[in-house]
């Protein structure tokens, strides 16, 4: 799985947005795509051929590759703390309390 971010030269209308999404969806191997019209960036996630995507988009629009990397960034997991024993913890079950059994000396 790869994540690819492209900077696109687009107008702020829905016609350009539809064209970009239609062209990008024609490439096999794309799992998800999103287009941010404010930043004019297209984000693609999947197992697609990166050069094929750029080649198809550059036929109609100016596209520049911003980043290419793994789809999900793995965050380091926090270390698990040892569970604290509560103050009312009794290591012996109530059946085995010493007061229940007589002590023979």
C-alpha atoms as a PDB file:
ATOM      1  CA  UNK A   1       0.000   0.000   0.000  1.00  0.00           C
ATOM      2  CA  UNK A   2       1.299   3.395  -0.993  1.00  0.00           C
ATOM      3  CA  UNK A   3       0.114   6.915  -0.345  1.00  0.00           C
ATOM      4  CA  UNK A   4       0.744   9.462  -3.072  1.00  0.00           C
ATOM      5  CA  UNK A   5       0.043  13.195  -2.843  1.00  0.00           C
ATOM      6  CA  UNK A   6      -0.064  15.275  -6.024  1.00  0.00           C
ATOM      7  CA  UNK A   7      -0.241  19.049  -6.334  1.00  0.00           C
ATOM      8  CA  UNK A   8      -2.669  19.918  -9.122  1.00  0.00           C
ATOM      9  CA  UNK A   9      -3.198  23.147 -11.064  1.00  0.00           C
ATOM     10  CA  UNK A  10      -7.000  23.346 -10.958  1.00  0.00           C
ATOM     11  CA  UNK A  11      -9.769  25.889 -11.107  1.00  0.00           C
ATOM     12  CA  UNK A  12     -12.272  26.062  -8.269  1.00  0.00           C
ATOM     13  CA  UNK A  13     -15.172  24.551 -10.195  1.00  0.00           C
ATOM     14  CA  UNK A  14     -16.758  21.122 -10.064  1.00  0.00           C
ATOM     15  CA  UNK A  15     -15.972  20.426 -13.725  1.00  0.00           C
ATOM     16  CA  UNK A  16     -12.222  20.181 -13.077  1.00  0.00           C
ATOM     17  CA  UNK A  17     -12.829  18.170  -9.930  1.00  0.00           C
ATOM     18  CA  UNK A  18     -14.927  15.616 -11.815  1.00  0.00           C
ATOM     19  CA  UNK A  19     -12.324  15.319 -14.567  1.00  0.00           C
ATOM     20  CA  UNK A  20      -9.464  14.742 -12.141  1.00  0.00           C
ATOM     21  CA  UNK A  21     -11.377  12.122 -10.165  1.00  0.00           C
ATOM     22  CA  UNK A  22     -12.522  10.374 -13.347  1.00  0.00           C
ATOM     23  CA  UNK A  23      -8.982  10.213 -14.748  1.00  0.00           C
ATOM     24  CA  UNK A  24      -7.515   9.035 -11.438  1.00  0.00           C
ATOM     25  CA  UNK A  25     -10.185   6.377 -10.936  1.00  0.00           C
ATOM     26  CA  UNK A  26      -9.406   4.854 -14.339  1.00  0.00           C
ATOM     27  CA  UNK A  27      -6.029   3.617 -13.040  1.00  0.00           C
ATOM     28  CA  UNK A  28      -6.231   0.087 -11.578  1.00  0.00           C
ATOM     29  CA  UNK A  29      -5.121  -0.472  -7.996  1.00  0.00           C
ATOM     30  CA  UNK A  30      -6.466   2.675  -6.329  1.00  0.00           C
ATOM     31  CA  UNK A  31      -8.239   1.959  -3.019  1.00  0.00           C
ATOM     32  CA  UNK A  32      -9.158   5.496  -2.005  1.00  0.00           C
ATOM     33  CA  UNK A  33      -8.724   8.994  -3.333  1.00  0.00           C
ATOM     34  CA  UNK A  34      -9.514  12.459  -2.077  1.00  0.00           C
ATOM     35  CA  UNK A  35      -9.213  15.891  -3.620  1.00  0.00           C
ATOM     36  CA  UNK A  36      -8.677  18.971  -1.473  1.00  0.00           C
ATOM     37  CA  UNK A  37      -9.795  21.952  -3.539  1.00  0.00           C
ATOM     38  CA  UNK A  38      -8.482  24.526  -1.044  1.00  0.00           C
ATOM     39  CA  UNK A  39      -4.920  23.228  -1.189  1.00  0.00           C
ATOM     40  CA  UNK A  40      -5.398  21.761  -4.692  1.00  0.00           C
ATOM     41  CA  UNK A  41      -3.936  18.407  -3.690  1.00  0.00           C
ATOM     42  CA  UNK A  42      -4.970  14.941  -4.814  1.00  0.00           C
ATOM     43  CA  UNK A  43      -4.306  12.085  -2.369  1.00  0.00           C
ATOM     44  CA  UNK A  44      -4.290   8.500  -3.670  1.00  0.00           C
ATOM     45  CA  UNK A  45      -3.933   5.329  -1.592  1.00  0.00           C
ATOM     46  CA  UNK A  46      -3.479   1.877  -3.080  1.00  0.00           C
ATOM     47  CA  UNK A  47      -1.190  -0.429  -5.017  1.00  0.00           C
ATOM     48  CA  UNK A  48      -1.263   1.577  -8.251  1.00  0.00           C
ATOM     49  CA  UNK A  49       1.603   2.344 -10.618  1.00  0.00           C
ATOM     50  CA  UNK A  50       2.680   5.875  -9.706  1.00  0.00           C
ATOM     51  CA  UNK A  51       4.057   6.783 -13.110  1.00  0.00           C
ATOM     52  CA  UNK A  52       0.875   5.642 -14.838  1.00  0.00           C
ATOM     53  CA  UNK A  53      -1.214   7.917 -12.615  1.00  0.00           C
ATOM     54  CA  UNK A  54       1.014  10.940 -13.242  1.00  0.00           C
ATOM     55  CA  UNK A  55       1.172  10.227 -16.981  1.00  0.00           C
ATOM     56  CA  UNK A  56      -2.618  10.144 -17.300  1.00  0.00           C
ATOM     57  CA  UNK A  57      -3.152  13.257 -15.193  1.00  0.00           C
ATOM     58  CA  UNK A  58      -0.489  15.288 -17.017  1.00  0.00           C
ATOM     59  CA  UNK A  59      -2.290  14.824 -20.331  1.00  0.00           C
ATOM     60  CA  UNK A  60      -5.009  17.161 -19.065  1.00  0.00           C
ATOM     61  CA  UNK A  61      -3.672  18.993 -15.981  1.00  0.00           C
ATOM     62  CA  UNK A  62      -0.366  20.129 -14.553  1.00  0.00           C
ATOM     63  CA  UNK A  63       0.498  17.608 -11.818  1.00  0.00           C
ATOM     64  CA  UNK A  64       3.519  17.584  -9.509  1.00  0.00           C
ATOM     65  CA  UNK A  65       4.373  14.731  -7.118  1.00  0.00           C
ATOM     66  CA  UNK A  66       4.565  16.109  -3.567  1.00  0.00           C
ATOM     67  CA  UNK A  67       5.070  12.956  -1.492  1.00  0.00           C
ATOM     68  CA  UNK A  68       5.129   9.198  -1.945  1.00  0.00           C
ATOM     69  CA  UNK A  69       5.275   6.878   1.024  1.00  0.00           C
ATOM     70  CA  UNK A  70       3.587   4.140   3.003  1.00  0.00           C
ATOM     71  CA  UNK A  71      -0.176   4.365   3.385  1.00  0.00           C
ATOM     72  CA  UNK A  72      -0.268   4.315   7.177  1.00  0.00           C
ATOM     73  CA  UNK A  73       2.358   5.760   9.411  1.00  0.00           C
ATOM     74  CA  UNK A  74       2.966   3.405  12.285  1.00  0.00           C
ATOM     75  CA  UNK A  75       3.102   5.217  15.577  1.00  0.00           C
ATOM     76  CA  UNK A  76       5.204   3.757  18.350  1.00  0.00           C
ATOM     77  CA  UNK A  77       2.994   1.969  20.830  1.00  0.00           C
ATOM     78  CA  UNK A  78       3.179   3.213  24.398  1.00  0.00           C
ATOM     79  CA  UNK A  79       4.829   0.831  26.798  1.00  0.00           C
ATOM     80  CA  UNK A  80       2.407  -1.113  28.925  1.00  0.00           C
ATOM     81  CA  UNK A  81       2.731  -0.381  32.599  1.00  0.00           C
ATOM     82  CA  UNK A  82       2.654  -3.142  35.163  1.00  0.00           C
ATOM     83  CA  UNK A  83      -0.787  -3.282  36.697  1.00  0.00           C
ATOM     84  CA  UNK A  84      -0.808  -1.766  40.141  1.00  0.00           C
ATOM     85  CA  UNK A  85      -2.079  -3.989  42.906  1.00  0.00           C
ATOM     86  CA  UNK A  86      -4.921  -2.266  44.769  1.00  0.00           C
ATOM     87  CA  UNK A  87      -4.558  -1.764  48.482  1.00  0.00           C
ATOM     88  CA  UNK A  88      -7.391  -4.205  49.295  1.00  0.00           C
ATOM     89  CA  UNK A  89      -5.719  -7.099  47.487  1.00  0.00           C
ATOM     90  CA  UNK A  90      -5.808 -10.376  49.423  1.00  0.00           C
ATOM     91  CA  UNK A  91      -3.466 -13.044  48.020  1.00  0.00           C
ATOM     92  CA  UNK A  92      -5.458 -15.827  49.718  1.00  0.00           C
ATOM     93  CA  UNK A  93      -9.043 -16.651  48.844  1.00  0.00           C
ATOM     94  CA  UNK A  94     -11.567 -16.405  51.636  1.00  0.00           C
ATOM     95  CA  UNK A  95     -11.696 -20.221  52.016  1.00  0.00           C
ATOM     96  CA  UNK A  96      -8.080 -20.410  53.111  1.00  0.00           C
ATOM     97  CA  UNK A  97      -7.986 -17.769  55.800  1.00  0.00           C
ATOM     98  CA  UNK A  98      -5.921 -19.003  58.757  1.00  0.00           C
ATOM     99  CA  UNK A  99      -8.704 -18.277  61.256  1.00  0.00           C
ATOM    100  CA  UNK A 100     -10.975 -20.961  59.846  1.00  0.00           C
ATOM    101  CA  UNK A 101      -8.707 -23.870  60.633  1.00  0.00           C
ATOM    102  CA  UNK A 102      -7.692 -24.851  64.184  1.00  0.00           C
ATOM    103  CA  UNK A 103      -4.017 -24.856  64.929  1.00  0.00           C
ATOM    104  CA  UNK A 104      -2.742 -27.961  66.763  1.00  0.00           C
ATOM    105  CA  UNK A 105       0.490 -27.645  68.594  1.00  0.00           C
END
